[in-house]
Amino acid sequence: MSTPNLVLLVEDHADSRELLEEFLTLEGFTVETAGNGLSAWERLSRPPLPAAVLLDLMMPVMSGWELMRHVREDARLSTLPVVVVSGAGSSQPLPEGIRATVPKPVDLFELRATLERVVSPA
């Protein structure tokens, strides 16, 4: 079961992660963060599940593509809403199961609107 306003933010750049975390918190979301895909995978292995994941694709240790493969192979996580927040060019195909994308540099209002389409804060 997921927590209605909990978002897992997966971003390797600390400044971007802190800015997005602060913004989302002010918007009424509870935010947990991970600096790479492996940390996010470890977080997703324990309850509660987030209502959505904001995912950067280009990260060290485990990329967003690798994380998505693991998520989609796990029956417990296979329907977890994922929003890609990435500077990866549009010429690269996105992982299967992505609900939406927000390009970098991030327009905070676009991010909020996109995330609210996926999950509403409490």
Protein backbone atom coordinates (compact mmCIF):
# COMPACT_ATOMS: atom_id res chain seq x y z
CA MET A 1 0.00 0.00 0.00
CA SER A 2 1.28 3.47 -0.83
CA THR A 3 1.21 6.60 1.28
CA PRO A 4 -1.01 9.15 -0.54
CA ASN A 5 1.32 12.17 -0.57
CA LEU A 6 4.73 10.47 -0.30
CA VAL A 7 7.07 11.06 -3.23
CA LEU A 8 10.44 9.38 -3.74
CA LEU A 9 12.78 11.84 -5.47
CA VAL A 10 15.71 10.10 -7.19
CA GLU A 11 18.32 12.65 -8.28
CA ASP A 12 22.12 12.45 -8.16
CA HIS A 13 22.86 16.20 -8.12
CA ALA A 14 22.59 17.37 -4.51
CA ASP A 15 21.64 20.98 -5.30
CA SER A 16 18.83 19.91 -7.63
CA ARG A 17 17.64 17.29 -5.16
CA GLU A 18 17.50 19.83 -2.31
CA LEU A 19 15.69 22.45 -4.43
CA LEU A 20 13.09 19.96 -5.65
CA GLU A 21 12.63 18.51 -2.17
CA GLU A 22 12.04 21.96 -0.68
CA PHE A 23 9.60 22.95 -3.43
CA LEU A 24 7.60 19.72 -3.19
CA THR A 25 7.47 19.93 0.60
CA LEU A 26 6.07 23.46 0.35
CA GLU A 27 3.49 22.10 -2.11
CA GLY A 28 2.21 19.61 0.50
CA PHE A 29 4.10 16.46 -0.44
CA THR A 30 6.16 14.33 1.92
CA VAL A 31 9.46 13.77 0.15
CA GLU A 32 12.08 11.07 0.58
CA THR A 33 15.23 11.28 -1.49
CA ALA A 34 17.78 8.95 -3.06
CA GLY A 35 21.01 9.98 -4.76
CA ASN A 36 21.09 7.08 -7.21
CA GLY A 37 19.05 4.16 -8.49
CA LEU A 38 20.53 1.67 -6.04
CA SER A 39 19.56 3.80 -3.03
CA ALA A 40 16.07 4.19 -4.52
CA TRP A 41 15.79 0.42 -5.08
CA GLU A 42 16.77 -0.20 -1.45
CA ARG A 43 14.15 2.34 -0.29
CA LEU A 44 11.45 0.72 -2.45
CA SER A 45 12.14 -2.63 -0.79
CA ARG A 46 10.46 -1.50 2.43
CA PRO A 47 7.07 -0.01 3.30
CA PRO A 48 5.46 2.33 2.95
CA LEU A 49 5.58 2.63 -0.79
CA PRO A 50 5.57 6.14 -2.20
CA ALA A 51 2.57 7.34 -4.17
CA ALA A 52 4.96 8.26 -7.00
CA VAL A 53 8.63 8.32 -7.97
CA LEU A 54 10.36 11.30 -9.58
CA LEU A 55 13.25 9.76 -11.45
CA ASP A 56 16.38 11.12 -13.07
CA LEU A 57 17.70 8.74 -15.74
CA MET A 58 21.40 9.63 -15.88
CA MET A 59 22.90 8.63 -12.51
CA PRO A 60 25.94 6.81 -11.17
CA VAL A 61 25.83 3.42 -9.40
CA MET A 62 22.47 2.44 -10.93
CA SER A 63 20.84 4.48 -13.70
CA GLY A 64 17.17 5.30 -13.91
CA TRP A 65 16.86 2.85 -16.80
CA GLU A 66 18.22 0.04 -14.62
CA LEU A 67 15.97 1.03 -11.72
CA MET A 68 12.92 0.99 -13.99
CA ARG A 69 13.78 -2.51 -15.19
CA HIS A 70 13.87 -3.72 -11.57
CA VAL A 71 10.65 -1.89 -10.69
CA ARG A 72 8.71 -3.32 -13.62
CA GLU A 73 9.93 -6.86 -12.86
CA ASP A 74 8.70 -6.64 -9.25
CA ALA A 75 4.97 -7.43 -9.03
CA ARG A 76 4.64 -5.28 -5.91
CA LEU A 77 6.00 -2.22 -7.75
CA SER A 78 4.91 -2.85 -11.34
CA THR A 79 2.12 -0.23 -11.25
CA LEU A 80 4.04 2.38 -9.22
CA PRO A 81 3.64 5.77 -10.96
CA VAL A 82 6.99 7.07 -12.23
CA VAL A 83 7.64 10.56 -13.60
CA VAL A 84 10.96 11.02 -15.37
CA VAL A 85 12.73 14.29 -14.59
CA SER A 86 15.73 14.26 -16.87
CA GLY A 87 17.93 16.15 -19.25
CA ALA A 88 18.26 13.02 -21.39
CA GLY A 89 17.56 13.88 -25.00
CA SER A 90 14.19 13.09 -26.47
CA SER A 91 15.88 10.89 -29.08
CA GLN A 92 16.44 8.18 -26.46
CA PRO A 93 13.42 5.94 -25.82
CA LEU A 94 12.07 6.13 -22.28
CA PRO A 95 11.73 3.06 -20.09
CA GLU A 96 8.41 1.23 -20.26
CA GLY A 97 5.88 2.28 -17.65
CA ILE A 98 6.71 5.97 -17.40
CA ARG A 99 3.59 8.01 -16.61
CA ALA A 100 5.01 11.40 -17.62
CA THR A 101 8.20 13.34 -18.26
CA VAL A 102 9.45 16.73 -17.14
CA PRO A 103 12.55 18.04 -18.92
CA LYS A 104 15.53 19.64 -17.23
CA PRO A 105 15.99 22.42 -16.47
CA VAL A 106 12.85 21.85 -14.42
CA ASP A 107 9.96 24.28 -14.59
CA LEU A 108 8.65 23.93 -11.04
CA PHE A 109 5.08 24.75 -12.02
CA GLU A 110 5.14 22.11 -14.76
CA LEU A 111 6.56 19.62 -12.26
CA ARG A 112 3.81 20.35 -9.76
CA ALA A 113 1.06 20.07 -12.39
CA THR A 114 2.51 16.83 -13.73
CA LEU A 115 2.87 15.31 -10.29
CA GLU A 116 -0.64 16.35 -9.31
CA ARG A 117 -1.97 14.48 -12.35
CA VAL A 118 -0.26 11.37 -10.99
CA VAL A 119 -0.97 11.81 -7.27
CA SER A 120 -2.68 14.51 -5.20
CA PRO A 121 -1.09 15.71 -1.95
CA ALA A 122 -3.05 15.20 1.25
